[in-house]
Amino acid sequence: MTDLVNFKNTVALHIKQNKLVDDVITKIKEIPNLNDLRLDPELTKYICNVIKNTVTKQEEKIICQSNLCATILIKLFDLDEKEVNAVDKQIKYLENNNEIKTVKVSKKFKKSVWAWFKKRIL
């Protein structure tokens, strides 16, 4: 009976944010010796790029991507106040220097075609 009514607007956006956070955390936990990367700028850049390429144009206006990145890092490493400020500075640096980039459509297309090819042919 609950399948007849779908979530919309704020609730749907909240669900998408939580799913994105959980997916990124799951992917990052695969990295060995993860605690060595606690405040690594490259990890922060990776998370920001994942968020940038997952969030749609309409959602960009509503979702604060820097807060989402900080939330992921806080959940991963249980950061204290000083470390959260350092992460915020890293994110601002990445944003100001255009280090956070979207993936080209051609690359997305190649990936999807290759995934289909491996699934169907190989």
PDB file of N, CA and C in Angstrom:
ATOM      1  N   MET A   1       0.810  -1.190   0.000  1.00  0.00           N
ATOM      2  CA  MET A   1       0.000   0.000   0.000  1.00  0.00           C
ATOM      3  C   MET A   1       0.860   1.263   0.000  1.00  0.00           C
ATOM      4  N   THR A   2       2.023   1.216   0.648  1.00  0.00           N
ATOM      5  CA  THR A   2       2.882   2.397   0.687  1.00  0.00           C
ATOM      6  C   THR A   2       3.561   2.666  -0.652  1.00  0.00           C
ATOM      7  N   ASP A   3       3.551   1.709  -1.558  1.00  0.00           N
ATOM      8  CA  ASP A   3       4.155   1.897  -2.878  1.00  0.00           C
ATOM      9  C   ASP A   3       3.328   2.820  -3.759  1.00  0.00           C
ATOM     10  N   LEU A   4       2.082   3.054  -3.401  1.00  0.00           N
ATOM     11  CA  LEU A   4       1.215   3.893  -4.207  1.00  0.00           C
ATOM     12  C   LEU A   4       1.557   5.378  -4.105  1.00  0.00           C
ATOM     13  N   VAL A   5       2.164   5.779  -2.996  1.00  0.00           N
ATOM     14  CA  VAL A   5       2.501   7.182  -2.775  1.00  0.00           C
ATOM     15  C   VAL A   5       4.022   7.307  -2.702  1.00  0.00           C
ATOM     16  N   ASN A   6       4.577   8.196  -3.528  1.00  0.00           N
ATOM     17  CA  ASN A   6       6.021   8.406  -3.551  1.00  0.00           C
ATOM     18  C   ASN A   6       6.397   9.636  -2.737  1.00  0.00           C
ATOM     19  N   PHE A   7       7.631   9.627  -2.251  1.00  0.00           N
ATOM     20  CA  PHE A   7       8.149  10.795  -1.558  1.00  0.00           C
ATOM     21  C   PHE A   7       8.460  11.882  -2.571  1.00  0.00           C
ATOM     22  N   LYS A   8       8.279  13.132  -2.158  1.00  0.00           N
ATOM     23  CA  LYS A   8       8.561  14.253  -3.043  1.00  0.00           C
ATOM     24  C   LYS A   8       9.312  15.335  -2.287  1.00  0.00           C
ATOM     25  N   ASN A   9       9.900  16.216  -3.052  1.00  0.00           N
ATOM     26  CA  ASN A   9      10.549  17.422  -2.587  1.00  0.00           C
ATOM     27  C   ASN A   9      11.541  17.180  -1.453  1.00  0.00           C
ATOM     28  N   THR A  10      11.286  17.725  -0.286  1.00  0.00           N
ATOM     29  CA  THR A  10      12.243  17.701   0.804  1.00  0.00           C
ATOM     30  C   THR A  10      12.549  16.290   1.293  1.00  0.00           C
ATOM     31  N   VAL A  11      11.533  15.473   1.419  1.00  0.00           N
ATOM     32  CA  VAL A  11      11.734  14.102   1.910  1.00  0.00           C
ATOM     33  C   VAL A  11      12.563  13.301   0.902  1.00  0.00           C
ATOM     34  N   ALA A  12      12.237  13.418  -0.371  1.00  0.00           N
ATOM     35  CA  ALA A  12      12.989  12.703  -1.411  1.00  0.00           C
ATOM     36  C   ALA A  12      14.434  13.180  -1.449  1.00  0.00           C
ATOM     37  N   LEU A  13      14.643  14.480  -1.286  1.00  0.00           N
ATOM     38  CA  LEU A  13      15.991  15.036  -1.277  1.00  0.00           C
ATOM     39  C   LEU A  13      16.780  14.535  -0.065  1.00  0.00           C
ATOM     40  N   HIS A  14      16.127  14.479   1.073  1.00  0.00           N
ATOM     41  CA  HIS A  14      16.768  13.971   2.299  1.00  0.00           C
ATOM     42  C   HIS A  14      17.163  12.503   2.135  1.00  0.00           C
ATOM     43  N   ILE A  15      16.294  11.719   1.541  1.00  0.00           N
ATOM     44  CA  ILE A  15      16.586  10.304   1.305  1.00  0.00           C
ATOM     45  C   ILE A  15      17.774  10.168   0.353  1.00  0.00           C
ATOM     46  N   LYS A  16      17.805  10.990  -0.697  1.00  0.00           N
ATOM     47  CA  LYS A  16      18.908  10.924  -1.656  1.00  0.00           C
ATOM     48  C   LYS A  16      20.227  11.312  -0.999  1.00  0.00           C
ATOM     49  N   GLN A  17      20.207  12.345  -0.163  1.00  0.00           N
ATOM     50  CA  GLN A  17      21.423  12.762   0.534  1.00  0.00           C
ATOM     51  C   GLN A  17      21.951  11.650   1.430  1.00  0.00           C
ATOM     52  N   ASN A  18      21.070  11.036   2.201  1.00  0.00           N
ATOM     53  CA  ASN A  18      21.500   9.963   3.098  1.00  0.00           C
ATOM     54  C   ASN A  18      22.025   8.757   2.324  1.00  0.00           C
ATOM     55  N   LYS A  19      21.394   8.436   1.202  1.00  0.00           N
ATOM     56  CA  LYS A  19      21.865   7.329   0.374  1.00  0.00           C
ATOM     57  C   LYS A  19      23.237   7.647  -0.206  1.00  0.00           C
ATOM     58  N   LEU A  20      23.435   8.880  -0.654  1.00  0.00           N
ATOM     59  CA  LEU A  20      24.723   9.299  -1.191  1.00  0.00           C
ATOM     60  C   LEU A  20      25.811   9.209  -0.126  1.00  0.00           C
ATOM     61  N   VAL A  21      25.518   9.684   1.072  1.00  0.00           N
ATOM     62  CA  VAL A  21      26.480   9.616   2.173  1.00  0.00           C
ATOM     63  C   VAL A  21      26.836   8.167   2.464  1.00  0.00           C
ATOM     64  N   ASP A  22      25.843   7.305   2.554  1.00  0.00           N
ATOM     65  CA  ASP A  22      26.097   5.886   2.843  1.00  0.00           C
ATOM     66  C   ASP A  22      26.897   5.215   1.734  1.00  0.00           C
ATOM     67  N   ASP A  23      26.586   5.525   0.472  1.00  0.00           N
ATOM     68  CA  ASP A  23      27.309   4.921  -0.649  1.00  0.00           C
ATOM     69  C   ASP A  23      28.770   5.354  -0.679  1.00  0.00           C
ATOM     70  N   VAL A  24      29.014   6.639  -0.450  1.00  0.00           N
ATOM     71  CA  VAL A  24      30.392   7.136  -0.457  1.00  0.00           C
ATOM     72  C   VAL A  24      31.182   6.541   0.703  1.00  0.00           C
ATOM     73  N   ILE A  25      30.571   6.474   1.867  1.00  0.00           N
ATOM     74  CA  ILE A  25      31.253   5.896   3.027  1.00  0.00           C
ATOM     75  C   ILE A  25      31.587   4.431   2.774  1.00  0.00           C
ATOM     76  N   THR A  26      30.666   3.687   2.186  1.00  0.00           N
ATOM     77  CA  THR A  26      30.913   2.281   1.872  1.00  0.00           C
ATOM     78  C   THR A  26      32.078   2.140   0.902  1.00  0.00           C
ATOM     79  N   LYS A  27      32.121   2.984  -0.115  1.00  0.00           N
ATOM     80  CA  LYS A  27      33.197   2.932  -1.105  1.00  0.00           C
ATOM     81  C   LYS A  27      34.543   3.286  -0.475  1.00  0.00           C
ATOM     82  N   ILE A  28      34.566   4.302   0.361  1.00  0.00           N
ATOM     83  CA  ILE A  28      35.820   4.758   0.960  1.00  0.00           C
ATOM     84  C   ILE A  28      36.339   3.768   1.999  1.00  0.00           C
ATOM     85  N   LYS A  29      35.457   3.055   2.668  1.00  0.00           N
ATOM     86  CA  LYS A  29      35.899   2.080   3.675  1.00  0.00           C
ATOM     87  C   LYS A  29      36.649   0.904   3.062  1.00  0.00           C
ATOM     88  N   GLU A  30      36.592   0.765   1.730  1.00  0.00           N
ATOM     89  CA  GLU A  30      37.351  -0.278   1.053  1.00  0.00           C
ATOM     90  C   GLU A  30      38.846   0.022   1.016  1.00  0.00           C
ATOM     91  N   ILE A  31      39.220   1.274   1.272  1.00  0.00           N
ATOM     92  CA  ILE A  31      40.618   1.690   1.230  1.00  0.00           C
ATOM     93  C   ILE A  31      41.349   1.133   2.450  1.00  0.00           C
ATOM     94  N   PRO A  32      42.479   0.444   2.229  1.00  0.00           N
ATOM     95  CA  PRO A  32      43.252  -0.057   3.373  1.00  0.00           C
ATOM     96  C   PRO A  32      43.950   1.098   4.101  1.00  0.00           C
ATOM     97  N   ASN A  33      44.154   0.940   5.383  1.00  0.00           N
ATOM     98  CA  ASN A  33      44.801   1.960   6.227  1.00  0.00           C
ATOM     99  C   ASN A  33      44.117   3.326   6.070  1.00  0.00           C
ATOM    100  N   LEU A  34      42.834   3.331   6.217  1.00  0.00           N
ATOM    101  CA  LEU A  34      42.034   4.530   5.984  1.00  0.00           C
ATOM    102  C   LEU A  34      42.370   5.651   6.962  1.00  0.00           C
ATOM    103  N   ASN A  35      42.729   5.318   8.188  1.00  0.00           N
ATOM    104  CA  ASN A  35      43.030   6.360   9.181  1.00  0.00           C
ATOM    105  C   ASN A  35      44.246   7.190   8.810  1.00  0.00           C
ATOM    106  N   ASP A  36      45.136   6.661   7.954  1.00  0.00           N
ATOM    107  CA  ASP A  36      46.285   7.436   7.500  1.00  0.00           C
ATOM    108  C   ASP A  36      45.856   8.598   6.608  1.00  0.00           C
ATOM    109  N   LEU A  37      44.666   8.511   6.041  1.00  0.00           N
ATOM    110  CA  LEU A  37      44.151   9.542   5.136  1.00  0.00           C
ATOM    111  C   LEU A  37      43.170  10.484   5.823  1.00  0.00           C
ATOM    112  N   ARG A  38      43.251  10.579   7.113  1.00  0.00           N
ATOM    113  CA  ARG A  38      42.270  11.306   7.915  1.00  0.00           C
ATOM    114  C   ARG A  38      42.002  12.725   7.395  1.00  0.00           C
ATOM    115  N   LEU A  39      43.022  13.520   7.171  1.00  0.00           N
ATOM    116  CA  LEU A  39      42.850  14.894   6.679  1.00  0.00           C
ATOM    117  C   LEU A  39      43.541  15.078   5.328  1.00  0.00           C
ATOM    118  N   ASP A  40      43.597  14.035   4.551  1.00  0.00           N
ATOM    119  CA  ASP A  40      44.263  14.090   3.252  1.00  0.00           C
ATOM    120  C   ASP A  40      43.440  14.901   2.259  1.00  0.00           C
ATOM    121  N   PRO A  41      44.042  15.907   1.626  1.00  0.00           N
ATOM    122  CA  PRO A  41      43.298  16.725   0.659  1.00  0.00           C
ATOM    123  C   PRO A  41      42.825  15.923  -0.559  1.00  0.00           C
ATOM    124  N   GLU A  42      43.555  14.894  -0.923  1.00  0.00           N
ATOM    125  CA  GLU A  42      43.159  14.086  -2.083  1.00  0.00           C
ATOM    126  C   GLU A  42      41.862  13.328  -1.804  1.00  0.00           C
ATOM    127  N   LEU A  43      41.683  12.851  -0.572  1.00  0.00           N
ATOM    128  CA  LEU A  43      40.442  12.177  -0.193  1.00  0.00           C
ATOM    129  C   LEU A  43      39.280  13.173  -0.192  1.00  0.00           C
ATOM    130  N   THR A  44      39.535  14.364   0.325  1.00  0.00           N
ATOM    131  CA  THR A  44      38.509  15.403   0.318  1.00  0.00           C
ATOM    132  C   THR A  44      38.122  15.765  -1.113  1.00  0.00           C
ATOM    133  N   LYS A  45      39.101  15.868  -1.987  1.00  0.00           N
ATOM    134  CA  LYS A  45      38.842  16.180  -3.397  1.00  0.00           C
ATOM    135  C   LYS A  45      38.021  15.072  -4.047  1.00  0.00           C
ATOM    136  N   TYR A  46      38.346  13.819  -3.741  1.00  0.00           N
ATOM    137  CA  TYR A  46      37.590  12.689  -4.296  1.00  0.00           C
ATOM    138  C   TYR A  46      36.126  12.761  -3.871  1.00  0.00           C
ATOM    139  N   ILE A  47      35.892  12.994  -2.591  1.00  0.00           N
ATOM    140  CA  ILE A  47      34.525  13.057  -2.078  1.00  0.00           C
ATOM    141  C   ILE A  47      33.767  14.217  -2.719  1.00  0.00           C
ATOM    142  N   CYS A  48      34.407  15.371  -2.835  1.00  0.00           N
ATOM    143  CA  CYS A  48      33.762  16.533  -3.460  1.00  0.00           C
ATOM    144  C   CYS A  48      33.418  16.247  -4.922  1.00  0.00           C
ATOM    145  N   ASN A  49      34.312  15.568  -5.634  1.00  0.00           N
ATOM    146  CA  ASN A  49      34.045  15.236  -7.032  1.00  0.00           C
ATOM    147  C   ASN A  49      32.895  14.239  -7.166  1.00  0.00           C
ATOM    148  N   VAL A  50      32.826  13.280  -6.274  1.00  0.00           N
ATOM    149  CA  VAL A  50      31.716  12.322  -6.300  1.00  0.00           C
ATOM    150  C   VAL A  50      30.392  13.046  -6.073  1.00  0.00           C
ATOM    151  N   ILE A  51      30.367  13.931  -5.101  1.00  0.00           N
ATOM    152  CA  ILE A  51      29.148  14.678  -4.805  1.00  0.00           C
ATOM    153  C   ILE A  51      28.766  15.564  -5.992  1.00  0.00           C
ATOM    154  N   LYS A  52      29.744  16.259  -6.558  1.00  0.00           N
ATOM    155  CA  LYS A  52      29.485  17.159  -7.689  1.00  0.00           C
ATOM    156  C   LYS A  52      28.890  16.404  -8.880  1.00  0.00           C
ATOM    157  N   ASN A  53      29.350  15.171  -9.104  1.00  0.00           N
ATOM    158  CA  ASN A  53      28.878  14.405 -10.251  1.00  0.00           C
ATOM    159  C   ASN A  53      27.620  13.606  -9.964  1.00  0.00           C
ATOM    160  N   THR A  54      27.189  13.566  -8.738  1.00  0.00           N
ATOM    161  CA  THR A  54      25.977  12.841  -8.374  1.00  0.00           C
ATOM    162  C   THR A  54      24.780  13.771  -8.258  1.00  0.00           C
ATOM    163  N   VAL A  55      25.000  14.961  -7.752  1.00  0.00           N
ATOM    164  CA  VAL A  55      23.926  15.918  -7.526  1.00  0.00           C
ATOM    165  C   VAL A  55      23.532  16.563  -8.858  1.00  0.00           C
ATOM    166  N   THR A  56      22.235  16.637  -9.122  1.00  0.00           N
ATOM    167  CA  THR A  56      21.743  17.233 -10.369  1.00  0.00           C
ATOM    168  C   THR A  56      21.754  18.759 -10.281  1.00  0.00           C
ATOM    169  N   LYS A  57      21.530  19.403 -11.415  1.00  0.00           N
ATOM    170  CA  LYS A  57      21.541  20.873 -11.478  1.00  0.00           C
ATOM    171  C   LYS A  57      20.463  21.485 -10.572  1.00  0.00           C
ATOM    172  N   GLN A  58      19.277  20.872 -10.547  1.00  0.00           N
ATOM    173  CA  GLN A  58      18.198  21.415  -9.710  1.00  0.00           C
ATOM    174  C   GLN A  58      18.531  21.255  -8.228  1.00  0.00           C
ATOM    175  N   GLU A  59      19.168  20.145  -7.885  1.00  0.00           N
ATOM    176  CA  GLU A  59      19.485  19.887  -6.480  1.00  0.00           C
ATOM    177  C   GLU A  59      20.666  20.718  -5.989  1.00  0.00           C
ATOM    178  N   GLU A  60      21.507  21.196  -6.907  1.00  0.00           N
ATOM    179  CA  GLU A  60      22.657  22.011  -6.519  1.00  0.00           C
ATOM    180  C   GLU A  60      22.240  23.263  -5.766  1.00  0.00           C
ATOM    181  N   LYS A  61      21.080  23.800  -6.117  1.00  0.00           N
ATOM    182  CA  LYS A  61      20.601  25.015  -5.476  1.00  0.00           C
ATOM    183  C   LYS A  61      20.170  24.752  -4.035  1.00  0.00           C
ATOM    184  N   ILE A  62      19.759  23.523  -3.750  1.00  0.00           N
ATOM    185  CA  ILE A  62      19.215  23.183  -2.442  1.00  0.00           C
ATOM    186  C   ILE A  62      20.267  22.545  -1.541  1.00  0.00           C
ATOM    187  N   ILE A  63      21.081  21.664  -2.117  1.00  0.00           N
ATOM    188  CA  ILE A  63      22.067  20.909  -1.342  1.00  0.00           C
ATOM    189  C   ILE A  63      23.356  21.707  -1.216  1.00  0.00           C
ATOM    190  N   CYS A  64      23.836  21.839  -0.005  1.00  0.00           N
ATOM    191  CA  CYS A  64      25.143  22.455   0.224  1.00  0.00           C
ATOM    192  C   CYS A  64      26.183  21.340   0.121  1.00  0.00           C
ATOM    193  N   GLN A  65      26.906  21.320  -0.987  1.00  0.00           N
ATOM    194  CA  GLN A  65      27.830  20.224  -1.260  1.00  0.00           C
ATOM    195  C   GLN A  65      28.998  20.191  -0.274  1.00  0.00           C
ATOM    196  N   SER A  66      29.441  21.353   0.177  1.00  0.00           N
ATOM    197  CA  SER A  66      30.552  21.373   1.126  1.00  0.00           C
ATOM    198  C   SER A  66      30.125  20.786   2.477  1.00  0.00           C
ATOM    199  N   ASN A  67      28.892  21.060   2.892  1.00  0.00           N
ATOM    200  CA  ASN A  67      28.393  20.470   4.141  1.00  0.00           C
ATOM    201  C   ASN A  67      28.240  18.962   4.016  1.00  0.00           C
ATOM    202  N   LEU A  68      27.819  18.507   2.839  1.00  0.00           N
ATOM    203  CA  LEU A  68      27.668  17.076   2.606  1.00  0.00           C
ATOM    204  C   LEU A  68      29.021  16.378   2.667  1.00  0.00           C
ATOM    205  N   CYS A  69      30.039  16.986   2.079  1.00  0.00           N
ATOM    206  CA  CYS A  69      31.394  16.425   2.123  1.00  0.00           C
ATOM    207  C   CYS A  69      31.904  16.379   3.568  1.00  0.00           C
ATOM    208  N   ALA A  70      31.696  17.459   4.299  1.00  0.00           N
ATOM    209  CA  ALA A  70      32.121  17.496   5.696  1.00  0.00           C
ATOM    210  C   ALA A  70      31.375  16.446   6.517  1.00  0.00           C
ATOM    211  N   THR A  71      30.097  16.247   6.239  1.00  0.00           N
ATOM    212  CA  THR A  71      29.313  15.228   6.945  1.00  0.00           C
ATOM    213  C   THR A  71      29.891  13.832   6.715  1.00  0.00           C
ATOM    214  N   ILE A  72      30.278  13.555   5.484  1.00  0.00           N
ATOM    215  CA  ILE A  72      30.852  12.248   5.165  1.00  0.00           C
ATOM    216  C   ILE A  72      32.147  12.038   5.929  1.00  0.00           C
ATOM    217  N   LEU A  73      33.017  13.045   5.935  1.00  0.00           N
ATOM    218  CA  LEU A  73      34.294  12.915   6.638  1.00  0.00           C
ATOM    219  C   LEU A  73      34.105  12.810   8.154  1.00  0.00           C
ATOM    220  N   ILE A  74      33.123  13.530   8.686  1.00  0.00           N
ATOM    221  CA  ILE A  74      32.847  13.450  10.125  1.00  0.00           C
ATOM    222  C   ILE A  74      32.368  12.053  10.490  1.00  0.00           C
ATOM    223  N   LYS A  75      31.491  11.482   9.670  1.00  0.00           N
ATOM    224  CA  LYS A  75      31.007  10.121   9.941  1.00  0.00           C
ATOM    225  C   LYS A  75      32.118   9.086   9.799  1.00  0.00           C
ATOM    226  N   LEU A  76      33.013   9.305   8.853  1.00  0.00           N
ATOM    227  CA  LEU A  76      34.099   8.344   8.638  1.00  0.00           C
ATOM    228  C   LEU A  76      35.110   8.357   9.776  1.00  0.00           C
ATOM    229  N   PHE A  77      35.529   9.552  10.183  1.00  0.00           N
ATOM    230  CA  PHE A  77      36.665   9.666  11.100  1.00  0.00           C
ATOM    231  C   PHE A  77      36.334  10.235  12.465  1.00  0.00           C
ATOM    232  N   ASP A  78      35.096  10.624  12.727  1.00  0.00           N
ATOM    233  CA  ASP A  78      34.706  11.232  13.996  1.00  0.00           C
ATOM    234  C   ASP A  78      35.632  12.418  14.312  1.00  0.00           C
ATOM    235  N   LEU A  79      35.612  13.419  13.438  1.00  0.00           N
ATOM    236  CA  LEU A  79      36.503  14.569  13.533  1.00  0.00           C
ATOM    237  C   LEU A  79      36.119  15.501  14.676  1.00  0.00           C
ATOM    238  N   ASP A  80      37.132  16.156  15.252  1.00  0.00           N
ATOM    239  CA  ASP A  80      36.855  17.160  16.276  1.00  0.00           C
ATOM    240  C   ASP A  80      36.726  18.541  15.612  1.00  0.00           C
ATOM    241  N   GLU A  81      36.538  19.578  16.409  1.00  0.00           N
ATOM    242  CA  GLU A  81      36.260  20.920  15.898  1.00  0.00           C
ATOM    243  C   GLU A  81      37.395  21.467  15.021  1.00  0.00           C
ATOM    244  N   LYS A  82      38.639  21.291  15.450  1.00  0.00           N
ATOM    245  CA  LYS A  82      39.785  21.793  14.675  1.00  0.00           C
ATOM    246  C   LYS A  82      39.885  21.080  13.327  1.00  0.00           C
ATOM    247  N   GLU A  83      39.656  19.787  13.339  1.00  0.00           N
ATOM    248  CA  GLU A  83      39.743  19.016  12.101  1.00  0.00           C
ATOM    249  C   GLU A  83      38.612  19.377  11.146  1.00  0.00           C
ATOM    250  N   VAL A  84      37.436  19.663  11.682  1.00  0.00           N
ATOM    251  CA  VAL A  84      36.310  20.093  10.839  1.00  0.00           C
ATOM    252  C   VAL A  84      36.641  21.429  10.181  1.00  0.00           C
ATOM    253  N   ASN A  85      37.259  22.338  10.924  1.00  0.00           N
ATOM    254  CA  ASN A  85      37.666  23.631  10.346  1.00  0.00           C
ATOM    255  C   ASN A  85      38.709  23.429   9.251  1.00  0.00           C
ATOM    256  N   ALA A  86      39.635  22.493   9.459  1.00  0.00           N
ATOM    257  CA  ALA A  86      40.651  22.199   8.441  1.00  0.00           C
ATOM    258  C   ALA A  86      40.002  21.630   7.184  1.00  0.00           C
ATOM    259  N   VAL A  87      39.019  20.755   7.351  1.00  0.00           N
ATOM    260  CA  VAL A  87      38.303  20.184   6.202  1.00  0.00           C
ATOM    261  C   VAL A  87      37.538  21.278   5.459  1.00  0.00           C
ATOM    262  N   ASP A  88      36.899  22.187   6.195  1.00  0.00           N
ATOM    263  CA  ASP A  88      36.185  23.304   5.556  1.00  0.00           C
ATOM    264  C   ASP A  88      37.140  24.164   4.725  1.00  0.00           C
ATOM    265  N   LYS A  89      38.337  24.404   5.259  1.00  0.00           N
ATOM    266  CA  LYS A  89      39.333  25.184   4.517  1.00  0.00           C
ATOM    267  C   LYS A  89      39.784  24.438   3.267  1.00  0.00           C
ATOM    268  N   GLN A  90      39.945  23.114   3.364  1.00  0.00           N
ATOM    269  CA  GLN A  90      40.312  22.320   2.188  1.00  0.00           C
ATOM    270  C   GLN A  90      39.234  22.419   1.112  1.00  0.00           C
ATOM    271  N   ILE A  91      37.984  22.303   1.520  1.00  0.00           N
ATOM    272  CA  ILE A  91      36.870  22.349   0.563  1.00  0.00           C
ATOM    273  C   ILE A  91      36.795  23.730  -0.092  1.00  0.00           C
ATOM    274  N   LYS A  92      36.958  24.798   0.692  1.00  0.00           N
ATOM    275  CA  LYS A  92      36.935  26.147   0.127  1.00  0.00           C
ATOM    276  C   LYS A  92      38.087  26.342  -0.852  1.00  0.00           C
ATOM    277  N   TYR A  93      39.254  25.804  -0.525  1.00  0.00           N
ATOM    278  CA  TYR A  93      40.402  25.895  -1.426  1.00  0.00           C
ATOM    279  C   TYR A  93      40.098  25.173  -2.742  1.00  0.00           C
ATOM    280  N   LEU A  94      39.536  23.977  -2.644  1.00  0.00           N
ATOM    281  CA  LEU A  94      39.205  23.219  -3.846  1.00  0.00           C
ATOM    282  C   LEU A  94      38.170  23.952  -4.700  1.00  0.00           C
ATOM    283  N   GLU A  95      37.176  24.535  -4.061  1.00  0.00           N
ATOM    284  CA  GLU A  95      36.142  25.276  -4.797  1.00  0.00           C
ATOM    285  C   GLU A  95      36.721  26.536  -5.452  1.00  0.00           C
ATOM    286  N   ASN A  96      37.549  27.265  -4.732  1.00  0.00           N
ATOM    287  CA  ASN A  96      38.109  28.519  -5.250  1.00  0.00           C
ATOM    288  C   ASN A  96      39.076  28.284  -6.409  1.00  0.00           C
ATOM    289  N   ASN A  97      39.741  27.151  -6.429  1.00  0.00           N
ATOM    290  CA  ASN A  97      40.723  26.869  -7.470  1.00  0.00           C
ATOM    291  C   ASN A  97      40.191  25.932  -8.548  1.00  0.00           C
ATOM    292  N   ASN A  98      38.876  25.768  -8.584  1.00  0.00           N
ATOM    293  CA  ASN A  98      38.208  24.943  -9.609  1.00  0.00           C
ATOM    294  C   ASN A  98      38.781  23.536  -9.702  1.00  0.00           C
ATOM    295  N   GLU A  99      39.064  22.948  -8.569  1.00  0.00           N
ATOM    296  CA  GLU A  99      39.577  21.582  -8.521  1.00  0.00           C
ATOM    297  C   GLU A  99      38.450  20.552  -8.540  1.00  0.00           C
ATOM    298  N   ILE A 100      37.241  20.978  -8.219  1.00  0.00           N
ATOM    299  CA  ILE A 100      36.092  20.082  -8.211  1.00  0.00           C
ATOM    300  C   ILE A 100      35.455  20.159  -9.591  1.00  0.00           C
ATOM    301  N   LYS A 101      35.529  19.067 -10.327  1.00  0.00           N
ATOM    302  CA  LYS A 101      35.105  19.078 -11.728  1.00  0.00           C
ATOM    303  C   LYS A 101      34.061  18.013 -11.992  1.00  0.00           C
ATOM    304  N   THR A 102      33.253  18.281 -13.003  1.00  0.00           N
ATOM    305  CA  THR A 102      32.276  17.286 -13.438  1.00  0.00           C
ATOM    306  C   THR A 102      32.914  16.381 -14.484  1.00  0.00           C
ATOM    307  N   VAL A 103      32.439  15.162 -14.526  1.00  0.00           N
ATOM    308  CA  VAL A 103      32.921  14.195 -15.496  1.00  0.00           C
ATOM    309  C   VAL A 103      32.266  14.496 -16.835  1.00  0.00           C
ATOM    310  N   LYS A 104      33.039  14.397 -17.913  1.00  0.00           N
ATOM    311  CA  LYS A 104      32.498  14.674 -19.245  1.00  0.00           C
ATOM    312  C   LYS A 104      31.458  13.634 -19.622  1.00  0.00           C
ATOM    313  N   VAL A 105      30.508  14.060 -20.430  1.00  0.00           N
ATOM    314  CA  VAL A 105      29.439  13.173 -20.888  1.00  0.00           C
ATOM    315  C   VAL A 105      30.014  12.014 -21.691  1.00  0.00           C
ATOM    316  N   SER A 106      31.062  12.277 -22.463  1.00  0.00           N
ATOM    317  CA  SER A 106      31.666  11.202 -23.266  1.00  0.00           C
ATOM    318  C   SER A 106      32.239  10.105 -22.378  1.00  0.00           C
ATOM    319  N   LYS A 107      32.821  10.475 -21.257  1.00  0.00           N
ATOM    320  CA  LYS A 107      33.375   9.481 -20.332  1.00  0.00           C
ATOM    321  C   LYS A 107      32.250   8.662 -19.698  1.00  0.00           C
ATOM    322  N   LYS A 108      31.159   9.331 -19.323  1.00  0.00           N
ATOM    323  CA  LYS A 108      30.014   8.611 -18.770  1.00  0.00           C
ATOM    324  C   LYS A 108      29.448   7.634 -19.785  1.00  0.00           C
ATOM    325  N   PHE A 109      29.361   8.071 -21.034  1.00  0.00           N
ATOM    326  CA  PHE A 109      28.842   7.223 -22.107  1.00  0.00           C
ATOM    327  C   PHE A 109      29.746   6.007 -22.317  1.00  0.00           C
ATOM    328  N   LYS A 110      31.059   6.242 -22.362  1.00  0.00           N
ATOM    329  CA  LYS A 110      32.004   5.128 -22.537  1.00  0.00           C
ATOM    330  C   LYS A 110      31.872   4.118 -21.407  1.00  0.00           C
ATOM    331  N   LYS A 111      31.765   4.614 -20.189  1.00  0.00           N
ATOM    332  CA  LYS A 111      31.620   3.718 -19.032  1.00  0.00           C
ATOM    333  C   LYS A 111      30.358   2.882 -19.125  1.00  0.00           C
ATOM    334  N   SER A 112      29.254   3.512 -19.491  1.00  0.00           N
ATOM    335  CA  SER A 112      27.987   2.780 -19.554  1.00  0.00           C
ATOM    336  C   SER A 112      28.001   1.764 -20.694  1.00  0.00           C
ATOM    337  N   VAL A 113      28.586   2.121 -21.835  1.00  0.00           N
ATOM    338  CA  VAL A 113      28.677   1.180 -22.948  1.00  0.00           C
ATOM    339  C   VAL A 113      29.588   0.015 -22.574  1.00  0.00           C
ATOM    340  N   TRP A 114      30.699   0.302 -21.922  1.00  0.00           N
ATOM    341  CA  TRP A 114      31.624  -0.754 -21.521  1.00  0.00           C
ATOM    342  C   TRP A 114      30.971  -1.681 -20.490  1.00  0.00           C
ATOM    343  N   ALA A 115      30.223  -1.119 -19.548  1.00  0.00           N
ATOM    344  CA  ALA A 115      29.528  -1.929 -18.545  1.00  0.00           C
ATOM    345  C   ALA A 115      28.489  -2.814 -19.216  1.00  0.00           C
ATOM    346  N   TRP A 116      27.753  -2.269 -20.172  1.00  0.00           N
ATOM    347  CA  TRP A 116      26.764  -3.066 -20.913  1.00  0.00           C
ATOM    348  C   TRP A 116      27.459  -4.171 -21.699  1.00  0.00           C
ATOM    349  N   PHE A 117      28.578  -3.829 -22.346  1.00  0.00           N
ATOM    350  CA  PHE A 117      29.315  -4.808 -23.146  1.00  0.00           C
ATOM    351  C   PHE A 117      29.811  -5.960 -22.272  1.00  0.00           C
ATOM    352  N   LYS A 118      30.375  -5.633 -21.102  1.00  0.00           N
ATOM    353  CA  LYS A 118      30.872  -6.682 -20.207  1.00  0.00           C
ATOM    354  C   LYS A 118      29.728  -7.547 -19.709  1.00  0.00           C
ATOM    355  N   LYS A 119      28.589  -6.929 -19.450  1.00  0.00           N
ATOM    356  CA  LYS A 119      27.440  -7.659 -18.915  1.00  0.00           C
ATOM    357  C   LYS A 119      26.844  -8.588 -19.966  1.00  0.00           C
ATOM    358  N   ARG A 120      26.724  -8.121 -21.183  1.00  0.00           N
ATOM    359  CA  ARG A 120      26.054  -8.894 -22.243  1.00  0.00           C
ATOM    360  C   ARG A 120      26.987  -9.852 -22.989  1.00  0.00           C
ATOM    361  N   ILE A 121      28.181  -9.421 -23.276  1.00  0.00           N
ATOM    362  CA  ILE A 121      29.081 -10.192 -24.134  1.00  0.00           C
ATOM    363  C   ILE A 121      30.036 -11.063 -23.336  1.00  0.00           C
ATOM    364  N   LEU A 122      30.667 -10.467 -22.339  1.00  0.00           N
ATOM    365  CA  LEU A 122      31.706 -11.192 -21.600  1.00  0.00           C
ATOM    366  C   LEU A 122      31.159 -12.011 -20.504  1.00  0.00           C
TER     367      LEU A 122
END
